[in-house]
Amino acid sequence: MTTFDRLDAEIIGALEEDGRVGVAQLASELGVSRNTIQARMRRLEESGVLRGFRPELDLASIGLPVQAQISLEIDQRKMEEIIERLAEVPEILEARTQAGREDIVVLVASSSVSDIQRISLDLVTIAGVRHTDTTLIINTVVPYRVWPLLDRHTAAKGWGRSTPPPR
């Protein structure tokens, strides 16, 4: 497990707010040197904590206004093959395995509700998929974020060995 302190959290929080922020600006905002920021970011990337930078899209503005969560109950002996097939479906934004009645949950985006139905019907034809359950997403009221969690997780930690934890 990688050490993760308050400065790391502050860096990630700033990147979450603006993924295009430069190293010099980050250093200035956080009151540390550019070398410190660069070294921390390199360590976070090399350790696998920071896995990349992705654009955040408004899918509705490009003609994909309908999103749904489709849960799949599967024959778990065919998990690997099913995952390979899911990766081939362009409308799938994300797929996660889970514990519970359904085994895999996929997030899909499309242009219409009828197209979501087509996707759901296509998924149930994959060998090993026993059942699907589709839930339309109306609105994202809390988008994916990590800062509140990191803020709480590192509240009592310092900025590395040179800075003590806050009191």
N, C-alpha and C. Protein backbone atom coordinates (compact mmCIF):
# COMPACT_ATOMS: atom_id res chain seq x y z
N MET A 1 0.85 -1.18 0.00
CA MET A 1 0.00 0.00 0.00
C MET A 1 0.89 1.24 0.00
N THR A 2 0.56 2.19 -0.85
CA THR A 2 1.30 3.43 -0.97
C THR A 2 0.95 4.38 0.17
N THR A 3 1.96 5.07 0.69
CA THR A 3 1.64 6.10 1.68
C THR A 3 0.89 7.22 0.96
N PHE A 4 -0.09 7.75 1.64
CA PHE A 4 -0.95 8.78 1.05
C PHE A 4 -1.25 9.78 2.15
N ASP A 5 -0.73 11.00 2.00
CA ASP A 5 -0.91 12.00 3.05
C ASP A 5 -1.76 13.17 2.56
N ARG A 6 -1.82 14.19 3.39
CA ARG A 6 -2.69 15.34 3.11
C ARG A 6 -2.28 16.07 1.83
N LEU A 7 -0.98 16.21 1.58
CA LEU A 7 -0.53 16.89 0.36
C LEU A 7 -0.97 16.11 -0.87
N ASP A 8 -0.85 14.80 -0.83
CA ASP A 8 -1.33 13.97 -1.94
C ASP A 8 -2.82 14.22 -2.18
N ALA A 9 -3.58 14.26 -1.09
CA ALA A 9 -5.02 14.51 -1.21
C ALA A 9 -5.30 15.88 -1.79
N GLU A 10 -4.55 16.89 -1.36
CA GLU A 10 -4.74 18.25 -1.89
C GLU A 10 -4.44 18.30 -3.40
N ILE A 11 -3.41 17.58 -3.81
CA ILE A 11 -3.05 17.53 -5.24
C ILE A 11 -4.19 16.89 -6.03
N ILE A 12 -4.67 15.74 -5.56
CA ILE A 12 -5.77 15.05 -6.25
C ILE A 12 -7.03 15.92 -6.25
N GLY A 13 -7.31 16.57 -5.14
CA GLY A 13 -8.48 17.46 -5.07
C GLY A 13 -8.40 18.59 -6.08
N ALA A 14 -7.22 19.18 -6.22
CA ALA A 14 -7.04 20.26 -7.20
C ALA A 14 -7.20 19.73 -8.62
N LEU A 15 -6.68 18.54 -8.88
CA LEU A 15 -6.82 17.94 -10.21
C LEU A 15 -8.27 17.56 -10.50
N GLU A 16 -8.99 17.15 -9.47
CA GLU A 16 -10.40 16.82 -9.66
C GLU A 16 -11.19 18.08 -10.04
N GLU A 17 -10.83 19.19 -9.43
CA GLU A 17 -11.50 20.46 -9.72
C GLU A 17 -11.15 20.96 -11.12
N ASP A 18 -9.87 20.82 -11.51
CA ASP A 18 -9.41 21.27 -12.82
C ASP A 18 -8.28 20.36 -13.27
N GLY A 19 -8.62 19.37 -14.09
CA GLY A 19 -7.64 18.39 -14.56
C GLY A 19 -6.56 18.98 -15.45
N ARG A 20 -6.74 20.23 -15.88
CA ARG A 20 -5.76 20.85 -16.77
C ARG A 20 -4.83 21.81 -16.03
N VAL A 21 -4.93 21.86 -14.71
CA VAL A 21 -4.10 22.76 -13.93
C VAL A 21 -2.63 22.36 -14.09
N GLY A 22 -1.77 23.35 -14.23
CA GLY A 22 -0.35 23.09 -14.42
C GLY A 22 0.38 22.87 -13.11
N VAL A 23 1.55 22.28 -13.22
CA VAL A 23 2.37 21.99 -12.05
C VAL A 23 2.74 23.28 -11.31
N ALA A 24 3.12 24.31 -12.06
CA ALA A 24 3.51 25.58 -11.43
C ALA A 24 2.34 26.18 -10.65
N GLN A 25 1.16 26.15 -11.24
CA GLN A 25 -0.01 26.70 -10.56
C GLN A 25 -0.35 25.88 -9.32
N LEU A 26 -0.28 24.55 -9.42
CA LEU A 26 -0.52 23.69 -8.27
C LEU A 26 0.46 24.00 -7.15
N ALA A 27 1.73 24.14 -7.51
CA ALA A 27 2.75 24.44 -6.51
C ALA A 27 2.46 25.77 -5.81
N SER A 28 2.07 26.75 -6.60
CA SER A 28 1.75 28.06 -6.03
C SER A 28 0.54 28.00 -5.11
N GLU A 29 -0.52 27.33 -5.56
CA GLU A 29 -1.74 27.23 -4.76
C GLU A 29 -1.52 26.46 -3.46
N LEU A 30 -0.65 25.46 -3.50
CA LEU A 30 -0.44 24.63 -2.32
C LEU A 30 0.75 25.08 -1.48
N GLY A 31 1.51 26.04 -1.98
CA GLY A 31 2.63 26.58 -1.21
C GLY A 31 3.82 25.64 -1.09
N VAL A 32 4.05 24.85 -2.13
CA VAL A 32 5.21 23.96 -2.15
C VAL A 32 5.95 24.15 -3.47
N SER A 33 7.12 23.55 -3.60
CA SER A 33 7.90 23.73 -4.82
C SER A 33 7.34 22.90 -5.98
N ARG A 34 7.69 23.33 -7.19
CA ARG A 34 7.30 22.57 -8.39
C ARG A 34 7.86 21.16 -8.34
N ASN A 35 9.11 21.04 -7.86
CA ASN A 35 9.74 19.72 -7.77
C ASN A 35 8.95 18.80 -6.84
N THR A 36 8.43 19.35 -5.76
CA THR A 36 7.63 18.54 -4.84
C THR A 36 6.37 18.03 -5.53
N ILE A 37 5.70 18.93 -6.24
CA ILE A 37 4.48 18.53 -6.96
C ILE A 37 4.81 17.48 -8.01
N GLN A 38 5.85 17.71 -8.79
CA GLN A 38 6.23 16.75 -9.83
C GLN A 38 6.59 15.40 -9.24
N ALA A 39 7.34 15.40 -8.14
CA ALA A 39 7.74 14.14 -7.51
C ALA A 39 6.53 13.41 -6.96
N ARG A 40 5.62 14.14 -6.32
CA ARG A 40 4.41 13.52 -5.76
C ARG A 40 3.55 12.94 -6.88
N MET A 41 3.35 13.69 -7.94
CA MET A 41 2.51 13.20 -9.04
C MET A 41 3.15 11.97 -9.69
N ARG A 42 4.47 12.00 -9.87
CA ARG A 42 5.17 10.85 -10.45
C ARG A 42 4.99 9.63 -9.55
N ARG A 43 5.15 9.81 -8.22
CA ARG A 43 4.98 8.70 -7.29
C ARG A 43 3.55 8.17 -7.32
N LEU A 44 2.57 9.07 -7.36
CA LEU A 44 1.17 8.65 -7.41
C LEU A 44 0.85 7.89 -8.70
N GLU A 45 1.45 8.31 -9.81
CA GLU A 45 1.23 7.61 -11.08
C GLU A 45 1.93 6.26 -11.08
N GLU A 46 3.20 6.24 -10.68
CA GLU A 46 3.98 5.00 -10.72
C GLU A 46 3.43 3.95 -9.76
N SER A 47 2.84 4.37 -8.66
CA SER A 47 2.27 3.43 -7.70
C SER A 47 0.88 2.96 -8.11
N GLY A 48 0.30 3.59 -9.12
CA GLY A 48 -1.02 3.20 -9.59
C GLY A 48 -2.17 3.90 -8.90
N VAL A 49 -1.88 4.81 -7.97
CA VAL A 49 -2.94 5.56 -7.30
C VAL A 49 -3.61 6.50 -8.30
N LEU A 50 -2.83 7.26 -9.01
CA LEU A 50 -3.33 8.18 -10.03
C LEU A 50 -3.24 7.44 -11.36
N ARG A 51 -4.39 7.07 -11.90
CA ARG A 51 -4.42 6.21 -13.07
C ARG A 51 -4.62 6.93 -14.38
N GLY A 52 -4.71 8.24 -14.37
CA GLY A 52 -4.84 8.93 -15.64
C GLY A 52 -5.70 10.17 -15.53
N PHE A 53 -5.84 10.82 -16.64
CA PHE A 53 -6.63 12.04 -16.74
C PHE A 53 -7.59 11.84 -17.90
N ARG A 54 -8.89 11.98 -17.61
CA ARG A 54 -9.89 11.75 -18.64
C ARG A 54 -10.78 12.97 -18.79
N PRO A 55 -11.27 13.18 -20.00
CA PRO A 55 -12.24 14.27 -20.18
C PRO A 55 -13.57 13.91 -19.54
N GLU A 56 -14.26 14.90 -19.04
CA GLU A 56 -15.60 14.70 -18.50
C GLU A 56 -16.57 15.26 -19.54
N LEU A 57 -17.43 14.40 -20.06
CA LEU A 57 -18.30 14.79 -21.16
C LEU A 57 -19.75 14.97 -20.72
N ASP A 58 -20.43 15.89 -21.36
CA ASP A 58 -21.88 16.01 -21.25
C ASP A 58 -22.44 15.22 -22.43
N LEU A 59 -22.77 13.96 -22.19
CA LEU A 59 -23.19 13.08 -23.27
C LEU A 59 -24.46 13.56 -23.97
N ALA A 60 -25.37 14.20 -23.23
CA ALA A 60 -26.60 14.70 -23.84
C ALA A 60 -26.29 15.73 -24.92
N SER A 61 -25.26 16.54 -24.71
CA SER A 61 -24.95 17.59 -25.68
C SER A 61 -24.41 17.05 -27.00
N ILE A 62 -24.03 15.78 -27.02
CA ILE A 62 -23.55 15.18 -28.28
C ILE A 62 -24.52 14.11 -28.80
N GLY A 63 -25.77 14.16 -28.31
CA GLY A 63 -26.79 13.28 -28.85
C GLY A 63 -26.96 11.96 -28.13
N LEU A 64 -26.44 11.84 -26.91
CA LEU A 64 -26.59 10.62 -26.12
C LEU A 64 -27.22 10.96 -24.77
N PRO A 65 -28.49 11.39 -24.77
CA PRO A 65 -29.11 11.90 -23.54
C PRO A 65 -29.63 10.84 -22.58
N VAL A 66 -29.70 9.57 -23.00
CA VAL A 66 -30.31 8.54 -22.16
C VAL A 66 -29.21 7.63 -21.60
N GLN A 67 -29.21 7.50 -20.28
CA GLN A 67 -28.29 6.58 -19.63
C GLN A 67 -29.10 5.60 -18.80
N ALA A 68 -28.55 4.41 -18.65
CA ALA A 68 -29.20 3.38 -17.85
C ALA A 68 -28.15 2.52 -17.17
N GLN A 69 -28.60 1.90 -16.10
CA GLN A 69 -27.79 0.90 -15.42
C GLN A 69 -28.45 -0.43 -15.71
N ILE A 70 -27.68 -1.35 -16.26
CA ILE A 70 -28.22 -2.68 -16.56
C ILE A 70 -27.47 -3.69 -15.71
N SER A 71 -28.22 -4.39 -14.86
CA SER A 71 -27.63 -5.41 -14.00
C SER A 71 -27.80 -6.76 -14.67
N LEU A 72 -26.75 -7.57 -14.62
CA LEU A 72 -26.75 -8.88 -15.27
C LEU A 72 -26.60 -9.98 -14.25
N GLU A 73 -27.51 -10.94 -14.29
CA GLU A 73 -27.34 -12.17 -13.53
C GLU A 73 -26.71 -13.16 -14.51
N ILE A 74 -25.59 -13.76 -14.12
CA ILE A 74 -24.85 -14.58 -15.08
C ILE A 74 -24.51 -15.95 -14.49
N ASP A 75 -24.10 -16.83 -15.39
CA ASP A 75 -23.46 -18.09 -15.01
C ASP A 75 -22.01 -17.70 -14.72
N GLN A 76 -21.63 -17.71 -13.46
CA GLN A 76 -20.31 -17.20 -13.08
C GLN A 76 -19.17 -18.01 -13.68
N ARG A 77 -19.43 -19.21 -14.11
CA ARG A 77 -18.39 -20.00 -14.77
C ARG A 77 -18.01 -19.41 -16.12
N LYS A 78 -18.86 -18.53 -16.64
CA LYS A 78 -18.60 -17.90 -17.95
C LYS A 78 -18.22 -16.43 -17.81
N MET A 79 -17.85 -16.03 -16.60
CA MET A 79 -17.54 -14.62 -16.31
C MET A 79 -16.53 -14.04 -17.31
N GLU A 80 -15.42 -14.71 -17.53
CA GLU A 80 -14.37 -14.16 -18.40
C GLU A 80 -14.88 -13.91 -19.83
N GLU A 81 -15.60 -14.86 -20.37
CA GLU A 81 -16.12 -14.72 -21.73
C GLU A 81 -17.16 -13.59 -21.81
N ILE A 82 -17.99 -13.51 -20.77
CA ILE A 82 -19.00 -12.45 -20.74
C ILE A 82 -18.34 -11.08 -20.69
N ILE A 83 -17.32 -10.93 -19.85
CA ILE A 83 -16.61 -9.64 -19.75
C ILE A 83 -15.98 -9.28 -21.09
N GLU A 84 -15.42 -10.26 -21.78
CA GLU A 84 -14.84 -10.00 -23.11
C GLU A 84 -15.91 -9.48 -24.07
N ARG A 85 -17.08 -10.07 -24.03
CA ARG A 85 -18.17 -9.63 -24.92
C ARG A 85 -18.67 -8.24 -24.53
N LEU A 86 -18.76 -7.97 -23.23
CA LEU A 86 -19.20 -6.64 -22.78
C LEU A 86 -18.24 -5.56 -23.28
N ALA A 87 -16.97 -5.86 -23.28
CA ALA A 87 -15.97 -4.89 -23.74
C ALA A 87 -16.14 -4.53 -25.21
N GLU A 88 -16.85 -5.36 -25.95
CA GLU A 88 -17.09 -5.11 -27.38
C GLU A 88 -18.31 -4.23 -27.63
N VAL A 89 -19.12 -3.95 -26.61
CA VAL A 89 -20.35 -3.17 -26.78
C VAL A 89 -20.01 -1.69 -26.63
N PRO A 90 -20.11 -0.91 -27.71
CA PRO A 90 -19.68 0.49 -27.66
C PRO A 90 -20.48 1.36 -26.69
N GLU A 91 -21.72 1.02 -26.45
CA GLU A 91 -22.56 1.86 -25.59
C GLU A 91 -22.25 1.70 -24.11
N ILE A 92 -21.48 0.66 -23.75
CA ILE A 92 -21.13 0.44 -22.34
C ILE A 92 -20.02 1.40 -21.94
N LEU A 93 -20.34 2.25 -20.96
CA LEU A 93 -19.37 3.21 -20.45
C LEU A 93 -18.50 2.58 -19.36
N GLU A 94 -19.10 1.65 -18.61
CA GLU A 94 -18.39 1.05 -17.48
C GLU A 94 -19.11 -0.24 -17.11
N ALA A 95 -18.34 -1.23 -16.67
CA ALA A 95 -18.92 -2.47 -16.17
C ALA A 95 -18.19 -2.85 -14.89
N ARG A 96 -18.95 -3.26 -13.89
CA ARG A 96 -18.37 -3.64 -12.59
C ARG A 96 -18.99 -4.95 -12.12
N THR A 97 -18.16 -5.80 -11.53
CA THR A 97 -18.72 -6.98 -10.88
C THR A 97 -19.16 -6.59 -9.48
N GLN A 98 -20.12 -7.33 -8.96
CA GLN A 98 -20.62 -7.02 -7.62
C GLN A 98 -21.08 -8.29 -6.94
N ALA A 99 -21.23 -8.21 -5.63
CA ALA A 99 -21.83 -9.30 -4.87
C ALA A 99 -23.32 -9.01 -4.75
N GLY A 100 -24.13 -10.04 -4.83
CA GLY A 100 -25.57 -9.84 -4.75
C GLY A 100 -26.26 -10.70 -5.79
N ARG A 101 -27.54 -10.44 -5.98
CA ARG A 101 -28.32 -11.24 -6.95
C ARG A 101 -27.75 -11.08 -8.35
N GLU A 102 -27.51 -9.85 -8.76
CA GLU A 102 -26.89 -9.62 -10.06
C GLU A 102 -25.38 -9.62 -9.87
N ASP A 103 -24.69 -10.08 -10.90
CA ASP A 103 -23.23 -10.26 -10.81
C ASP A 103 -22.44 -9.13 -11.43
N ILE A 104 -23.00 -8.52 -12.48
CA ILE A 104 -22.30 -7.45 -13.19
C ILE A 104 -23.28 -6.30 -13.39
N VAL A 105 -22.81 -5.09 -13.19
CA VAL A 105 -23.61 -3.90 -13.45
C VAL A 105 -22.89 -3.10 -14.53
N VAL A 106 -23.63 -2.74 -15.58
CA VAL A 106 -23.05 -1.93 -16.65
C VAL A 106 -23.77 -0.59 -16.72
N LEU A 107 -23.03 0.43 -17.01
CA LEU A 107 -23.59 1.76 -17.25
C LEU A 107 -23.53 1.98 -18.75
N VAL A 108 -24.67 2.30 -19.35
CA VAL A 108 -24.74 2.49 -20.79
C VAL A 108 -25.29 3.87 -21.11
N ALA A 109 -24.95 4.36 -22.29
CA ALA A 109 -25.49 5.63 -22.79
C ALA A 109 -25.95 5.42 -24.21
N SER A 110 -27.03 6.11 -24.57
CA SER A 110 -27.57 5.96 -25.91
C SER A 110 -28.42 7.18 -26.27
N SER A 111 -28.97 7.13 -27.48
CA SER A 111 -29.75 8.25 -27.98
C SER A 111 -31.23 8.18 -27.61
N SER A 112 -31.71 6.99 -27.21
CA SER A 112 -33.15 6.86 -26.94
C SER A 112 -33.42 5.71 -25.98
N VAL A 113 -34.61 5.73 -25.39
CA VAL A 113 -35.03 4.65 -24.51
C VAL A 113 -35.17 3.36 -25.30
N SER A 114 -35.68 3.46 -26.52
CA SER A 114 -35.82 2.24 -27.33
C SER A 114 -34.46 1.62 -27.64
N ASP A 115 -33.44 2.44 -27.79
CA ASP A 115 -32.09 1.91 -28.03
C ASP A 115 -31.54 1.24 -26.76
N ILE A 116 -31.89 1.79 -25.59
CA ILE A 116 -31.50 1.15 -24.33
C ILE A 116 -32.13 -0.24 -24.27
N GLN A 117 -33.39 -0.35 -24.70
CA GLN A 117 -34.06 -1.65 -24.71
C GLN A 117 -33.33 -2.62 -25.64
N ARG A 118 -32.93 -2.13 -26.81
CA ARG A 118 -32.17 -2.98 -27.75
C ARG A 118 -30.89 -3.47 -27.10
N ILE A 119 -30.16 -2.58 -26.41
CA ILE A 119 -28.91 -2.95 -25.76
C ILE A 119 -29.17 -4.04 -24.72
N SER A 120 -30.19 -3.83 -23.91
CA SER A 120 -30.54 -4.81 -22.87
C SER A 120 -30.86 -6.17 -23.49
N LEU A 121 -31.63 -6.16 -24.58
CA LEU A 121 -31.96 -7.42 -25.27
C LEU A 121 -30.71 -8.06 -25.88
N ASP A 122 -29.81 -7.25 -26.40
CA ASP A 122 -28.54 -7.78 -26.94
C ASP A 122 -27.71 -8.43 -25.84
N LEU A 123 -27.68 -7.80 -24.66
CA LEU A 123 -26.86 -8.33 -23.57
C LEU A 123 -27.36 -9.69 -23.10
N VAL A 124 -28.69 -9.88 -23.09
CA VAL A 124 -29.23 -11.16 -22.62
C VAL A 124 -28.97 -12.29 -23.61
N THR A 125 -28.56 -11.96 -24.84
CA THR A 125 -28.22 -13.02 -25.82
C THR A 125 -26.78 -13.51 -25.66
N ILE A 126 -25.99 -12.86 -24.82
CA ILE A 126 -24.62 -13.31 -24.58
C ILE A 126 -24.68 -14.62 -23.80
N ALA A 127 -23.97 -15.63 -24.29
CA ALA A 127 -23.96 -16.94 -23.63
C ALA A 127 -23.50 -16.78 -22.18
N GLY A 128 -24.34 -17.25 -21.26
CA GLY A 128 -24.02 -17.17 -19.85
C GLY A 128 -24.77 -16.07 -19.11
N VAL A 129 -25.38 -15.13 -19.85
CA VAL A 129 -26.20 -14.10 -19.21
C VAL A 129 -27.59 -14.68 -19.05
N ARG A 130 -28.03 -14.78 -17.79
CA ARG A 130 -29.33 -15.39 -17.50
C ARG A 130 -30.47 -14.40 -17.48
N HIS A 131 -30.17 -13.18 -17.02
CA HIS A 131 -31.25 -12.21 -16.78
C HIS A 131 -30.64 -10.81 -16.75
N THR A 132 -31.40 -9.83 -17.24
CA THR A 132 -30.99 -8.43 -17.10
C THR A 132 -32.08 -7.66 -16.38
N ASP A 133 -31.69 -6.62 -15.70
CA ASP A 133 -32.61 -5.71 -15.03
C ASP A 133 -32.15 -4.30 -15.36
N THR A 134 -32.98 -3.52 -16.03
CA THR A 134 -32.59 -2.20 -16.52
C THR A 134 -33.26 -1.10 -15.71
N THR A 135 -32.45 -0.13 -15.29
CA THR A 135 -32.95 1.04 -14.56
C THR A 135 -32.51 2.28 -15.32
N LEU A 136 -33.48 3.09 -15.74
CA LEU A 136 -33.13 4.34 -16.43
C LEU A 136 -32.61 5.35 -15.42
N ILE A 137 -31.59 6.07 -15.81
CA ILE A 137 -31.02 7.12 -14.97
C ILE A 137 -31.67 8.43 -15.37
N ILE A 138 -32.27 9.11 -14.41
CA ILE A 138 -32.96 10.37 -14.68
C ILE A 138 -31.99 11.53 -14.64
N ASN A 139 -31.17 11.58 -13.59
CA ASN A 139 -30.25 12.71 -13.42
C ASN A 139 -29.12 12.29 -12.50
N THR A 140 -27.93 12.80 -12.75
CA THR A 140 -26.80 12.57 -11.86
C THR A 140 -26.76 13.72 -10.87
N VAL A 141 -27.12 13.46 -9.63
CA VAL A 141 -27.21 14.54 -8.64
C VAL A 141 -25.91 14.72 -7.87
N VAL A 142 -25.08 13.67 -7.78
CA VAL A 142 -23.73 13.78 -7.21
C VAL A 142 -22.81 13.07 -8.19
N PRO A 143 -22.06 13.82 -8.99
CA PRO A 143 -21.17 13.17 -9.95
C PRO A 143 -20.01 12.47 -9.24
N TYR A 144 -19.35 11.58 -9.96
CA TYR A 144 -18.19 10.88 -9.41
C TYR A 144 -17.21 11.91 -8.86
N ARG A 145 -16.76 11.67 -7.65
CA ARG A 145 -15.83 12.58 -7.00
C ARG A 145 -15.04 11.81 -5.97
N VAL A 146 -13.86 12.32 -5.63
CA VAL A 146 -13.07 11.69 -4.58
C VAL A 146 -12.66 12.67 -3.49
N TRP A 147 -12.70 13.98 -3.76
CA TRP A 147 -12.19 14.95 -2.80
C TRP A 147 -12.83 14.84 -1.41
N PRO A 148 -14.16 14.77 -1.24
CA PRO A 148 -14.71 14.69 0.12
C PRO A 148 -14.17 13.48 0.89
N LEU A 149 -14.03 12.34 0.23
CA LEU A 149 -13.49 11.15 0.87
C LEU A 149 -12.03 11.35 1.26
N LEU A 150 -11.23 11.87 0.32
CA LEU A 150 -9.81 12.10 0.61
C LEU A 150 -9.63 13.15 1.70
N ASP A 151 -10.48 14.15 1.69
CA ASP A 151 -10.43 15.20 2.71
C ASP A 151 -10.62 14.57 4.10
N ARG A 152 -11.62 13.73 4.23
CA ARG A 152 -11.87 13.07 5.52
C ARG A 152 -10.75 12.10 5.86
N HIS A 153 -10.31 11.33 4.89
CA HIS A 153 -9.29 10.29 5.11
C HIS A 153 -7.95 10.88 5.54
N THR A 154 -7.62 12.07 5.07
CA THR A 154 -6.31 12.65 5.37
C THR A 154 -6.38 13.83 6.32
N ALA A 155 -7.53 14.07 6.92
CA ALA A 155 -7.71 15.26 7.78
C ALA A 155 -6.69 15.33 8.91
N ALA A 156 -6.29 14.21 9.45
CA ALA A 156 -5.36 14.21 10.58
C ALA A 156 -3.93 13.90 10.17
N LYS A 157 -3.66 13.89 8.87
CA LYS A 157 -2.31 13.58 8.39
C LYS A 157 -1.61 14.86 7.97
N GLY A 158 -0.30 14.86 8.06
CA GLY A 158 0.50 16.00 7.62
C GLY A 158 0.83 15.89 6.15
N TRP A 159 1.71 16.78 5.70
CA TRP A 159 2.15 16.82 4.31
C TRP A 159 3.50 16.13 4.19
N GLY A 160 3.60 14.91 4.64
CA GLY A 160 4.86 14.18 4.57
C GLY A 160 5.64 14.31 5.86
N ARG A 161 6.91 13.90 5.82
CA ARG A 161 7.73 13.87 7.02
C ARG A 161 8.05 15.25 7.57
N SER A 162 8.08 16.26 6.71
CA SER A 162 8.50 17.59 7.17
C SER A 162 7.37 18.41 7.79
N THR A 163 6.15 17.98 7.63
CA THR A 163 5.01 18.75 8.14
C THR A 163 4.19 17.90 9.09
N PRO A 164 4.03 18.31 10.32
CA PRO A 164 3.23 17.52 11.26
C PRO A 164 1.75 17.57 10.91
N PRO A 165 0.98 16.61 11.42
CA PRO A 165 -0.47 16.64 11.20
C PRO A 165 -1.08 17.87 11.85
N PRO A 166 -2.18 18.39 11.28
CA PRO A 166 -2.85 19.54 11.90
C PRO A 166 -3.43 19.15 13.24
N ARG A 167 -3.58 20.11 14.13
CA ARG A 167 -4.12 19.84 15.47
C ARG A 167 -5.59 20.13 15.51
